[in-house]
PDB file of N, CA and C in Angstrom:
ATOM      1  N   MET A   1     -19.435   0.519  -5.715  1.00  0.00           N
ATOM      2  CA  MET A   1     -18.773  -0.596  -5.219  1.00  0.00           C
ATOM      3  C   MET A   1     -17.748  -0.063  -4.191  1.00  0.00           C
ATOM      4  N   ASN A   2     -17.809  -0.947  -2.986  1.00  0.00           N
ATOM      5  CA  ASN A   2     -16.746  -0.936  -1.592  1.00  0.00           C
ATOM      6  C   ASN A   2     -15.504  -1.530  -2.063  1.00  0.00           C
ATOM      7  N   ILE A   3     -14.567  -1.072  -2.012  1.00  0.00           N
ATOM      8  CA  ILE A   3     -13.363  -1.263  -1.983  1.00  0.00           C
ATOM      9  C   ILE A   3     -12.471  -1.698  -0.716  1.00  0.00           C
ATOM     10  N   SER A   4     -12.073  -2.031  -0.207  1.00  0.00           N
ATOM     11  CA  SER A   4     -10.724  -2.259   1.321  1.00  0.00           C
ATOM     12  C   SER A   4      -9.641  -1.976   0.897  1.00  0.00           C
ATOM     13  N   VAL A   5      -9.020  -0.530   1.258  1.00  0.00           N
ATOM     14  CA  VAL A   5      -7.497  -0.674   1.157  1.00  0.00           C
ATOM     15  C   VAL A   5      -6.608  -0.359   2.542  1.00  0.00           C
ATOM     16  N   ILE A   6      -5.588  -1.027   2.442  1.00  0.00           N
ATOM     17  CA  ILE A   6      -4.461  -1.509   2.927  1.00  0.00           C
ATOM     18  C   ILE A   6      -3.617  -0.613   3.343  1.00  0.00           C
ATOM     19  N   PRO A   7      -3.488  -0.438   4.591  1.00  0.00           N
ATOM     20  CA  PRO A   7      -1.756   0.523   5.088  1.00  0.00           C
ATOM     21  C   PRO A   7      -0.804  -0.533   5.013  1.00  0.00           C
ATOM     22  N   ARG A   8      -0.091  -0.070   4.061  1.00  0.00           N
ATOM     23  CA  ARG A   8       1.595  -0.688   3.507  1.00  0.00           C
ATOM     24  C   ARG A   8       2.183  -0.532   4.472  1.00  0.00           C
ATOM     25  N   VAL A   9       3.045  -2.028   5.218  1.00  0.00           N
ATOM     26  CA  VAL A   9       3.831  -1.480   6.188  1.00  0.00           C
ATOM     27  C   VAL A   9       5.165  -1.409   5.851  1.00  0.00           C
ATOM     28  N   SER A  10       5.751  -0.505   5.805  1.00  0.00           N
ATOM     29  CA  SER A  10       7.541  -0.759   4.939  1.00  0.00           C
ATOM     30  C   SER A  10       7.997   0.204   6.018  1.00  0.00           C
ATOM     31  N   GLU A  11       9.344   0.297   5.516  1.00  0.00           N
ATOM     32  CA  GLU A  11      10.161   1.540   6.514  1.00  0.00           C
ATOM     33  C   GLU A  11      10.179   2.969   5.756  1.00  0.00           C
ATOM     34  N   LYS A  12       9.824   2.510   3.676  1.00  0.00           N
ATOM     35  CA  LYS A  12       9.644   4.140   3.494  1.00  0.00           C
ATOM     36  C   LYS A  12       8.025   4.562   3.333  1.00  0.00           C
ATOM     37  N   ALA A  13       7.403   3.593   3.936  1.00  0.00           N
ATOM     38  CA  ALA A  13       5.834   4.242   4.366  1.00  0.00           C
ATOM     39  C   ALA A  13       5.914   4.623   5.447  1.00  0.00           C
ATOM     40  N   TYR A  14       6.494   4.017   6.651  1.00  0.00           N
ATOM     41  CA  TYR A  14       6.716   4.940   7.784  1.00  0.00           C
ATOM     42  C   TYR A  14       7.469   6.441   7.939  1.00  0.00           C
ATOM     43  N   ALA A  15       8.222   6.134   6.530  1.00  0.00           N
ATOM     44  CA  ALA A  15       9.362   7.276   6.728  1.00  0.00           C
ATOM     45  C   ALA A  15       8.058   8.385   6.120  1.00  0.00           C
ATOM     46  N   GLN A  16       7.675   7.866   5.065  1.00  0.00           N
ATOM     47  CA  GLN A  16       6.798   9.023   4.430  1.00  0.00           C
ATOM     48  C   GLN A  16       5.324   9.226   5.109  1.00  0.00           C
ATOM     49  N   SER A  17       4.570   8.733   6.939  1.00  0.00           N
ATOM     50  CA  SER A  17       3.718   9.252   7.299  1.00  0.00           C
ATOM     51  C   SER A  17       4.358  10.120   8.259  1.00  0.00           C
ATOM     52  N   GLN A  18       5.672  10.679   8.623  1.00  0.00           N
ATOM     53  CA  GLN A  18       6.354  11.655   9.088  1.00  0.00           C
ATOM     54  C   GLN A  18       5.879  12.411   8.311  1.00  0.00           C
ATOM     55  N   ASN A  19       5.775  12.760   6.478  1.00  0.00           N
ATOM     56  CA  ASN A  19       5.444  14.035   6.300  1.00  0.00           C
ATOM     57  C   ASN A  19       3.841  14.199   6.137  1.00  0.00           C
ATOM     58  N   ASN A  20       3.128  13.070   6.393  1.00  0.00           N
ATOM     59  CA  ASN A  20       1.378  13.153   6.731  1.00  0.00           C
ATOM     60  C   ASN A  20       1.308  11.704   5.133  1.00  0.00           C
ATOM     61  N   VAL A  21       2.120  12.327   4.381  1.00  0.00           N
ATOM     62  CA  VAL A  21       1.513  10.706   3.500  1.00  0.00           C
ATOM     63  C   VAL A  21       1.537   9.513   3.791  1.00  0.00           C
ATOM     64  N   TYR A  22       0.305   8.872   3.332  1.00  0.00           N
ATOM     65  CA  TYR A  22       0.236   7.204   3.558  1.00  0.00           C
ATOM     66  C   TYR A  22       0.473   6.792   2.566  1.00  0.00           C
ATOM     67  N   VAL A  23       0.447   5.386   2.643  1.00  0.00           N
ATOM     68  CA  VAL A  23       0.486   4.387   1.505  1.00  0.00           C
ATOM     69  C   VAL A  23      -0.044   3.648   1.873  1.00  0.00           C
ATOM     70  N   PHE A  24      -1.038   3.012   0.839  1.00  0.00           N
ATOM     71  CA  PHE A  24      -1.924   2.467   0.921  1.00  0.00           C
ATOM     72  C   PHE A  24      -2.015   1.102  -0.416  1.00  0.00           C
ATOM     73  N   ASN A  25      -2.181  -0.413  -0.067  1.00  0.00           N
ATOM     74  CA  ASN A  25      -2.638  -1.259  -1.378  1.00  0.00           C
ATOM     75  C   ASN A  25      -3.705  -0.846  -1.617  1.00  0.00           C
ATOM     76  N   VAL A  26      -3.894  -1.101  -2.460  1.00  0.00           N
ATOM     77  CA  VAL A  26      -5.248  -0.720  -3.371  1.00  0.00           C
ATOM     78  C   VAL A  26      -5.642  -1.876  -4.417  1.00  0.00           C
ATOM     79  N   PRO A  27      -6.978  -2.361  -4.549  1.00  0.00           N
ATOM     80  CA  PRO A  27      -7.114  -3.102  -5.772  1.00  0.00           C
ATOM     81  C   PRO A  27      -6.369  -2.506  -7.292  1.00  0.00           C
ATOM     82  N   LEU A  28      -6.786  -3.574  -8.582  1.00  0.00           N
ATOM     83  CA  LEU A  28      -5.787  -2.616  -9.285  1.00  0.00           C
ATOM     84  C   LEU A  28      -7.369  -2.036 -10.226  1.00  0.00           C
ATOM     85  N   THR A  29      -8.282  -2.345  -9.977  1.00  0.00           N
ATOM     86  CA  THR A  29      -9.580  -1.623 -10.959  1.00  0.00           C
ATOM     87  C   THR A  29      -9.938  -0.560 -10.013  1.00  0.00           C
ATOM     88  N   ALA A  30      -9.221  -0.465  -9.232  1.00  0.00           N
ATOM     89  CA  ALA A  30      -9.844   1.143  -8.196  1.00  0.00           C
ATOM     90  C   ALA A  30      -9.156   2.320  -8.764  1.00  0.00           C
ATOM     91  N   ASN A  31     -10.143   3.453  -9.278  1.00  0.00           N
ATOM     92  CA  ASN A  31      -9.530   4.556  -9.225  1.00  0.00           C
ATOM     93  C   ASN A  31      -9.607   5.437  -8.566  1.00  0.00           C
ATOM     94  N   LYS A  32      -9.140   7.184  -8.429  1.00  0.00           N
ATOM     95  CA  LYS A  32      -9.161   7.639  -7.462  1.00  0.00           C
ATOM     96  C   LYS A  32     -10.374   8.034  -6.962  1.00  0.00           C
ATOM     97  N   GLN A  33     -10.812   8.662  -7.308  1.00  0.00           N
ATOM     98  CA  GLN A  33     -12.165   8.735  -6.696  1.00  0.00           C
ATOM     99  C   GLN A  33     -12.881   7.907  -5.244  1.00  0.00           C
ATOM    100  N   GLN A  34     -12.296   6.212  -5.990  1.00  0.00           N
ATOM    101  CA  GLN A  34     -12.783   5.149  -5.084  1.00  0.00           C
ATOM    102  C   GLN A  34     -12.256   4.916  -4.090  1.00  0.00           C
ATOM    103  N   ILE A  35     -10.413   4.772  -4.266  1.00  0.00           N
ATOM    104  CA  ILE A  35      -9.865   5.353  -3.288  1.00  0.00           C
ATOM    105  C   ILE A  35      -9.875   6.236  -2.220  1.00  0.00           C
ATOM    106  N   VAL A  36      -9.882   7.334  -1.878  1.00  0.00           N
ATOM    107  CA  VAL A  36      -9.930   9.110  -1.542  1.00  0.00           C
ATOM    108  C   VAL A  36     -11.333   8.327  -0.718  1.00  0.00           C
ATOM    109  N   ALA A  37     -12.780   8.035  -1.617  1.00  0.00           N
ATOM    110  CA  ALA A  37     -13.514   8.218  -0.351  1.00  0.00           C
ATOM    111  C   ALA A  37     -13.738   6.743   0.717  1.00  0.00           C
ATOM    112  N   ALA A  38     -13.337   5.698   0.180  1.00  0.00           N
ATOM    113  CA  ALA A  38     -12.729   4.320   0.588  1.00  0.00           C
ATOM    114  C   ALA A  38     -11.989   4.567   2.027  1.00  0.00           C
ATOM    115  N   VAL A  39     -10.440   5.741   1.705  1.00  0.00           N
ATOM    116  CA  VAL A  39      -9.840   5.673   2.999  1.00  0.00           C
ATOM    117  C   VAL A  39     -10.962   7.253   3.821  1.00  0.00           C
ATOM    118  N   GLU A  40     -11.323   7.814   3.355  1.00  0.00           N
ATOM    119  CA  GLU A  40     -11.891   8.790   4.094  1.00  0.00           C
ATOM    120  C   GLU A  40     -13.598   8.305   4.916  1.00  0.00           C
ATOM    121  N   THR A  41     -13.691   7.255   4.244  1.00  0.00           N
ATOM    122  CA  THR A  41     -14.776   6.653   5.526  1.00  0.00           C
ATOM    123  C   THR A  41     -14.216   5.405   6.043  1.00  0.00           C
ATOM    124  N   GLN A  42     -13.154   4.980   5.877  1.00  0.00           N
ATOM    125  CA  GLN A  42     -12.680   3.984   7.066  1.00  0.00           C
ATOM    126  C   GLN A  42     -11.606   4.523   8.054  1.00  0.00           C
ATOM    127  N   PHE A  43     -10.673   5.345   7.876  1.00  0.00           N
ATOM    128  CA  PHE A  43      -9.964   6.669   8.781  1.00  0.00           C
ATOM    129  C   PHE A  43     -11.022   7.625   9.370  1.00  0.00           C
ATOM    130  N   ASP A  44     -12.016   7.914   8.903  1.00  0.00           N
ATOM    131  CA  ASP A  44     -12.720   9.402   8.895  1.00  0.00           C
ATOM    132  C   ASP A  44     -11.048  10.850   9.353  1.00  0.00           C
ATOM    133  N   VAL A  45     -10.861  10.644   8.019  1.00  0.00           N
ATOM    134  CA  VAL A  45      -9.793  11.949   7.518  1.00  0.00           C
ATOM    135  C   VAL A  45     -10.230  12.710   6.897  1.00  0.00           C
ATOM    136  N   LYS A  46     -10.066  13.708   5.802  1.00  0.00           N
ATOM    137  CA  LYS A  46      -9.412  14.276   5.025  1.00  0.00           C
ATOM    138  C   LYS A  46      -8.764  13.948   4.452  1.00  0.00           C
ATOM    139  N   VAL A  47      -8.353  13.713   3.389  1.00  0.00           N
ATOM    140  CA  VAL A  47      -7.703  13.537   2.318  1.00  0.00           C
ATOM    141  C   VAL A  47      -7.133  14.994   1.430  1.00  0.00           C
ATOM    142  N   THR A  48      -5.907  15.510   0.974  1.00  0.00           N
ATOM    143  CA  THR A  48      -6.262  16.714  -0.056  1.00  0.00           C
ATOM    144  C   THR A  48      -5.907  16.004  -0.812  1.00  0.00           C
ATOM    145  N   ASN A  49      -4.859  14.991  -1.569  1.00  0.00           N
ATOM    146  CA  ASN A  49      -4.419  14.711  -2.571  1.00  0.00           C
ATOM    147  C   ASN A  49      -3.696  13.271  -2.750  1.00  0.00           C
ATOM    148  N   ILE A  50      -3.438  12.650  -3.484  1.00  0.00           N
ATOM    149  CA  ILE A  50      -3.317  10.980  -4.026  1.00  0.00           C
ATOM    150  C   ILE A  50      -2.809  11.040  -5.670  1.00  0.00           C
ATOM    151  N   LYS A  51      -1.939  10.466  -5.350  1.00  0.00           N
ATOM    152  CA  LYS A  51      -0.867   9.767  -6.606  1.00  0.00           C
ATOM    153  C   LYS A  51      -1.201   8.190  -6.648  1.00  0.00           C
ATOM    154  N   THR A  52      -1.548   7.589  -7.692  1.00  0.00           N
ATOM    155  CA  THR A  52      -1.309   6.131  -7.713  1.00  0.00           C
ATOM    156  C   THR A  52      -0.675   5.610  -8.553  1.00  0.00           C
ATOM    157  N   LEU A  53       0.038   4.414  -8.160  1.00  0.00           N
ATOM    158  CA  LEU A  53       0.950   3.906  -9.018  1.00  0.00           C
ATOM    159  C   LEU A  53       0.663   2.276  -9.325  1.00  0.00           C
ATOM    160  N   VAL A  54       0.718   1.882 -11.139  1.00  0.00           N
ATOM    161  CA  VAL A  54       1.105   0.150 -10.821  1.00  0.00           C
ATOM    162  C   VAL A  54       2.766  -0.541 -11.009  1.00  0.00           C
ATOM    163  N   GLN A  55       2.770  -1.355  -9.906  1.00  0.00           N
ATOM    164  CA  GLN A  55       3.988  -1.964  -9.628  1.00  0.00           C
ATOM    165  C   GLN A  55       4.288  -3.526 -10.723  1.00  0.00           C
ATOM    166  N   SER A  56       4.145  -3.676 -11.529  1.00  0.00           N
ATOM    167  CA  SER A  56       4.311  -4.794 -12.489  1.00  0.00           C
ATOM    168  C   SER A  56       5.369  -5.999 -11.888  1.00  0.00           C
ATOM    169  N   GLY A  57       4.400  -6.729 -12.046  1.00  0.00           N
ATOM    170  CA  GLY A  57       4.763  -8.154 -11.147  1.00  0.00           C
ATOM    171  C   GLY A  57       6.571  -8.463 -11.980  1.00  0.00           C
ATOM    172  N   LYS A  58       6.928  -8.511 -11.288  1.00  0.00           N
ATOM    173  CA  LYS A  58       8.542  -9.149 -11.506  1.00  0.00           C
ATOM    174  C   LYS A  58       8.676 -10.890 -11.950  1.00  0.00           C
ATOM    175  N   ALA A  59       9.305 -10.931 -13.287  1.00  0.00           N
ATOM    176  CA  ALA A  59       9.344 -12.122 -13.990  1.00  0.00           C
ATOM    177  C   ALA A  59      10.522 -13.305 -12.751  1.00  0.00           C
ATOM    178  N   ILE A  60       9.299 -13.854 -12.686  1.00  0.00           N
ATOM    179  CA  ILE A  60       9.912 -15.634 -12.153  1.00  0.00           C
ATOM    180  C   ILE A  60      10.968 -16.557 -12.773  1.00  0.00           C
ATOM    181  N   ARG A  61      12.163 -17.182 -12.685  1.00  0.00           N
ATOM    182  CA  ARG A  61      12.316 -18.359 -13.314  1.00  0.00           C
ATOM    183  C   ARG A  61      11.819 -19.619 -12.171  1.00  0.00           C
ATOM    184  N   PHE A  62      11.763 -20.235 -12.793  1.00  0.00           N
ATOM    185  CA  PHE A  62      11.227 -22.051 -11.597  1.00  0.00           C
ATOM    186  C   PHE A  62      11.787 -22.930 -12.533  1.00  0.00           C
ATOM    187  N   SER A  63      11.667 -23.670 -11.739  1.00  0.00           N
ATOM    188  CA  SER A  63      12.393 -25.154 -12.364  1.00  0.00           C
ATOM    189  C   SER A  63      10.855 -26.376 -13.030  1.00  0.00           C
ATOM    190  N   ARG A  64      11.749 -27.071 -13.588  1.00  0.00           N
ATOM    191  CA  ARG A  64      10.505 -27.517 -14.318  1.00  0.00           C
ATOM    192  C   ARG A  64      11.219 -29.182 -13.807  1.00  0.00           C
ATOM    193  N   GLY A  65      12.224 -29.596 -13.781  1.00  0.00           N
ATOM    194  CA  GLY A  65      12.939 -31.033 -13.609  1.00  0.00           C
ATOM    195  C   GLY A  65      14.673 -30.547 -13.413  1.00  0.00           C
ATOM    196  N   LYS A  66      15.062 -32.257 -13.351  1.00  0.00           N
ATOM    197  CA  LYS A  66      16.672 -31.992 -13.165  1.00  0.00           C
ATOM    198  C   LYS A  66      17.085 -31.231 -14.540  1.00  0.00           C
ATOM    199  N   ASN A  67      16.604 -32.035 -15.549  1.00  0.00           N
ATOM    200  CA  ASN A  67      17.195 -31.517 -16.437  1.00  0.00           C
ATOM    201  C   ASN A  67      16.675 -30.676 -17.913  1.00  0.00           C
ATOM    202  N   ARG A  68      15.537 -30.102 -17.045  1.00  0.00           N
ATOM    203  CA  ARG A  68      15.073 -29.818 -18.155  1.00  0.00           C
ATOM    204  C   ARG A  68      14.901 -27.895 -17.743  1.00  0.00           C
ATOM    205  N   TYR A  69      14.627 -27.097 -18.964  1.00  0.00           N
ATOM    206  CA  TYR A  69      15.106 -25.498 -19.105  1.00  0.00           C
ATOM    207  C   TYR A  69      13.946 -25.244 -18.241  1.00  0.00           C
ATOM    208  N   PRO A  70      14.181 -24.182 -17.167  1.00  0.00           N
ATOM    209  CA  PRO A  70      13.135 -23.791 -16.206  1.00  0.00           C
ATOM    210  C   PRO A  70      12.306 -22.854 -17.425  1.00  0.00           C
ATOM    211  N   GLY A  71      11.118 -22.528 -16.557  1.00  0.00           N
ATOM    212  CA  GLY A  71       9.552 -22.143 -17.261  1.00  0.00           C
ATOM    213  C   GLY A  71       9.917 -20.652 -16.742  1.00  0.00           C
ATOM    214  N   THR A  72       9.411 -19.568 -16.957  1.00  0.00           N
ATOM    215  CA  THR A  72       9.344 -18.194 -16.948  1.00  0.00           C
ATOM    216  C   THR A  72       7.844 -17.955 -16.524  1.00  0.00           C
ATOM    217  N   THR A  73       7.442 -16.978 -15.400  1.00  0.00           N
ATOM    218  CA  THR A  73       6.536 -16.621 -14.969  1.00  0.00           C
ATOM    219  C   THR A  73       6.438 -15.226 -14.241  1.00  0.00           C
ATOM    220  N   THR A  74       5.336 -14.712 -14.094  1.00  0.00           N
ATOM    221  CA  THR A  74       5.329 -12.997 -13.439  1.00  0.00           C
ATOM    222  C   THR A  74       4.790 -13.242 -12.504  1.00  0.00           C
ATOM    223  N   ARG A  75       5.005 -12.325 -11.391  1.00  0.00           N
ATOM    224  CA  ARG A  75       3.909 -12.409 -10.183  1.00  0.00           C
ATOM    225  C   ARG A  75       2.793 -11.188 -10.551  1.00  0.00           C
ATOM    226  N   LYS A  76       2.103 -11.313  -9.771  1.00  0.00           N
ATOM    227  CA  LYS A  76       1.096  -9.801  -9.972  1.00  0.00           C
ATOM    228  C   LYS A  76       1.133  -8.563 -10.019  1.00  0.00           C
ATOM    229  N   ASP A  77       0.826  -8.343 -10.951  1.00  0.00           N
ATOM    230  CA  ASP A  77       0.653  -6.829 -10.372  1.00  0.00           C
ATOM    231  C   ASP A  77       0.228  -5.829  -9.253  1.00  0.00           C
ATOM    232  N   THR A  78       0.117  -4.682  -8.593  1.00  0.00           N
ATOM    233  CA  THR A  78      -0.145  -4.246  -7.472  1.00  0.00           C
ATOM    234  C   THR A  78      -0.246  -2.973  -7.399  1.00  0.00           C
ATOM    235  N   LYS A  79      -1.097  -2.288  -7.122  1.00  0.00           N
ATOM    236  CA  LYS A  79      -1.219  -1.068  -6.889  1.00  0.00           C
ATOM    237  C   LYS A  79      -0.934  -0.456  -5.731  1.00  0.00           C
ATOM    238  N   LYS A  80      -0.514   0.614  -5.706  1.00  0.00           N
ATOM    239  CA  LYS A  80      -0.135   1.564  -4.436  1.00  0.00           C
ATOM    240  C   LYS A  80      -0.286   2.880  -4.218  1.00  0.00           C
ATOM    241  N   ALA A  81      -1.134   3.577  -3.319  1.00  0.00           N
ATOM    242  CA  ALA A  81      -2.227   4.659  -3.400  1.00  0.00           C
ATOM    243  C   ALA A  81      -1.121   5.775  -2.430  1.00  0.00           C
ATOM    244  N   TYR A  82      -0.324   7.010  -2.456  1.00  0.00           N
ATOM    245  CA  TYR A  82       0.124   7.083  -1.636  1.00  0.00           C
ATOM    246  C   TYR A  82      -0.996   9.083  -1.262  1.00  0.00           C
ATOM    247  N   VAL A  83      -1.711   8.200  -0.448  1.00  0.00           N
ATOM    248  CA  VAL A  83      -3.023  10.122   0.229  1.00  0.00           C
ATOM    249  C   VAL A  83      -1.729  10.210   0.700  1.00  0.00           C
ATOM    250  N   THR A  84      -1.866  11.877   0.616  1.00  0.00           N
ATOM    251  CA  THR A  84      -2.118  12.919   1.115  1.00  0.00           C
ATOM    252  C   THR A  84      -3.160  13.187   2.332  1.00  0.00           C
ATOM    253  N   LEU A  85      -2.820  13.833   3.531  1.00  0.00           N
ATOM    254  CA  LEU A  85      -4.104  14.027   4.443  1.00  0.00           C
ATOM    255  C   LEU A  85      -3.992  15.629   4.704  1.00  0.00           C
ATOM    256  N   ALA A  86      -5.163  15.963   4.973  1.00  0.00           N
ATOM    257  CA  ALA A  86      -4.864  17.589   5.605  1.00  0.00           C
ATOM    258  C   ALA A  86      -4.737  17.547   6.335  1.00  0.00           C
ATOM    259  N   ALA A  87      -4.084  19.012   6.617  1.00  0.00           N
ATOM    260  CA  ALA A  87      -3.389  19.346   7.806  1.00  0.00           C
ATOM    261  C   ALA A  87      -4.111  18.710   9.120  1.00  0.00           C
ATOM    262  N   GLY A  88      -3.332  18.391  10.073  1.00  0.00           N
ATOM    263  CA  GLY A  88      -4.157  17.941  11.501  1.00  0.00           C
ATOM    264  C   GLY A  88      -4.573  16.558  11.508  1.00  0.00           C
ATOM    265  N   ASN A  89      -4.577  15.710  10.613  1.00  0.00           N
ATOM    266  CA  ASN A  89      -5.154  14.333  10.422  1.00  0.00           C
ATOM    267  C   ASN A  89      -4.141  13.881  10.168  1.00  0.00           C
ATOM    268  N   SER A  90      -4.459  12.321  11.128  1.00  0.00           N
ATOM    269  CA  SER A  90      -3.533  11.260  10.872  1.00  0.00           C
ATOM    270  C   SER A  90      -4.370  10.561  11.003  1.00  0.00           C
ATOM    271  N   ILE A  91      -3.304   9.386  10.557  1.00  0.00           N
ATOM    272  CA  ILE A  91      -4.133   7.325  10.823  1.00  0.00           C
ATOM    273  C   ILE A  91      -2.920   7.115  11.809  1.00  0.00           C
ATOM    274  N   GLN A  92      -3.063   6.017  12.177  1.00  0.00           N
ATOM    275  CA  GLN A  92      -2.807   5.823  13.621  1.00  0.00           C
ATOM    276  C   GLN A  92      -2.184   3.840  13.109  1.00  0.00           C
ATOM    277  N   VAL A  93      -1.049   4.203  12.192  1.00  0.00           N
ATOM    278  CA  VAL A  93      -0.783   2.889  11.401  1.00  0.00           C
ATOM    279  C   VAL A  93       0.189   2.063  12.319  1.00  0.00           C
ATOM    280  N   PHE A  94       1.339   2.566  12.733  1.00  0.00           N
ATOM    281  CA  PHE A  94       2.226   1.980  12.884  1.00  0.00           C
ATOM    282  C   PHE A  94       2.004   2.395  14.929  1.00  0.00           C
ATOM    283  N   ASP A  95       1.525   2.226  14.937  1.00  0.00           N
ATOM    284  CA  ASP A  95       1.011   2.607  16.929  1.00  0.00           C
ATOM    285  C   ASP A  95       1.600   1.352  17.411  1.00  0.00           C
ATOM    286  N   ALA A  96       0.940   0.594  16.681  1.00  0.00           N
ATOM    287  CA  ALA A  96       1.406  -1.594  17.709  1.00  0.00           C
ATOM    288  C   ALA A  96       2.786  -1.343  17.241  1.00  0.00           C
ATOM    289  N   VAL A  97       3.442  -1.190  15.927  1.00  0.00           N
ATOM    290  CA  VAL A  97       4.968  -1.448  16.307  1.00  0.00           C
ATOM    291  C   VAL A  97       5.709  -0.391  17.218  1.00  0.00           C
ATOM    292  N   ALA A  98       5.685   0.801  17.383  1.00  0.00           N
ATOM    293  CA  ALA A  98       6.238   1.542  18.747  1.00  0.00           C
ATOM    294  C   ALA A  98       5.966   0.895  19.859  1.00  0.00           C
ATOM    295  N   THR A  99       4.053   1.058  20.458  1.00  0.00           N
ATOM    296  CA  THR A  99       4.334   0.629  21.687  1.00  0.00           C
ATOM    297  C   THR A  99       5.356  -0.926  21.722  1.00  0.00           C
ATOM    298  N   GLU A 100       5.483  -2.010  20.514  1.00  0.00           N
ATOM    299  CA  GLU A 100       6.309  -2.847  21.394  1.00  0.00           C
ATOM    300  C   GLU A 100       7.690  -2.950  21.300  1.00  0.00           C
ATOM    301  N   GLU A 101       8.239  -1.572  20.673  1.00  0.00           N
ATOM    302  CA  GLU A 101       9.517  -1.362  20.306  1.00  0.00           C
ATOM    303  C   GLU A 101       9.921  -0.218  21.928  1.00  0.00           C
ATOM    304  N   GLU A 102       8.689  -0.227  22.636  1.00  0.00           N
ATOM    305  CA  GLU A 102       8.765   0.706  23.877  1.00  0.00           C
ATOM    306  C   GLU A 102       9.077  -0.118  25.190  1.00  0.00           C
ATOM    307  N   LYS A 103       7.966  -1.407  25.344  1.00  0.00           N
ATOM    308  CA  LYS A 103       8.331  -2.382  25.470  1.00  0.00           C
ATOM    309  C   LYS A 103       9.420  -3.151  26.104  1.00  0.00           C
ATOM    310  N   LYS A 104      10.460  -3.130  24.948  1.00  0.00           N
ATOM    311  CA  LYS A 104      12.143  -4.435  25.074  1.00  0.00           C
ATOM    312  C   LYS A 104      12.753  -3.063  25.419  1.00  0.00           C
TER     313      LYS A 104
END
C-alpha cells in the first residue's frame, strides 16, 4: 500500500526540525512500518525512530436557524508522525519560508 506523508508546517514542527525530528500528517490507517517506508522513499533519508499519535477532532457547535438549538458535530481525527532521522540526514521542508524571509 502506497501512502503519502505530508510535512506539517507549523512553528512547533519547525522547532522540532532543529533537533532532527520532523512532523508529518499521515493517513489514519497507516502503521509505523508503512510511514517509515514512505518517508525513506519520498525523501531519501534513513529513519531511526518514529512516534505516532491520533489527534481527536474537536467538538463543533453549529446553528440550525434563528431560534433552534444549535447542533453539534466533530471535526475529523488526524494522525501525526514524529520521525527522527539518522545523524547527517535532513529534509529541506522549511527552505521556501527561509528564502522568502531573506528577500524581505
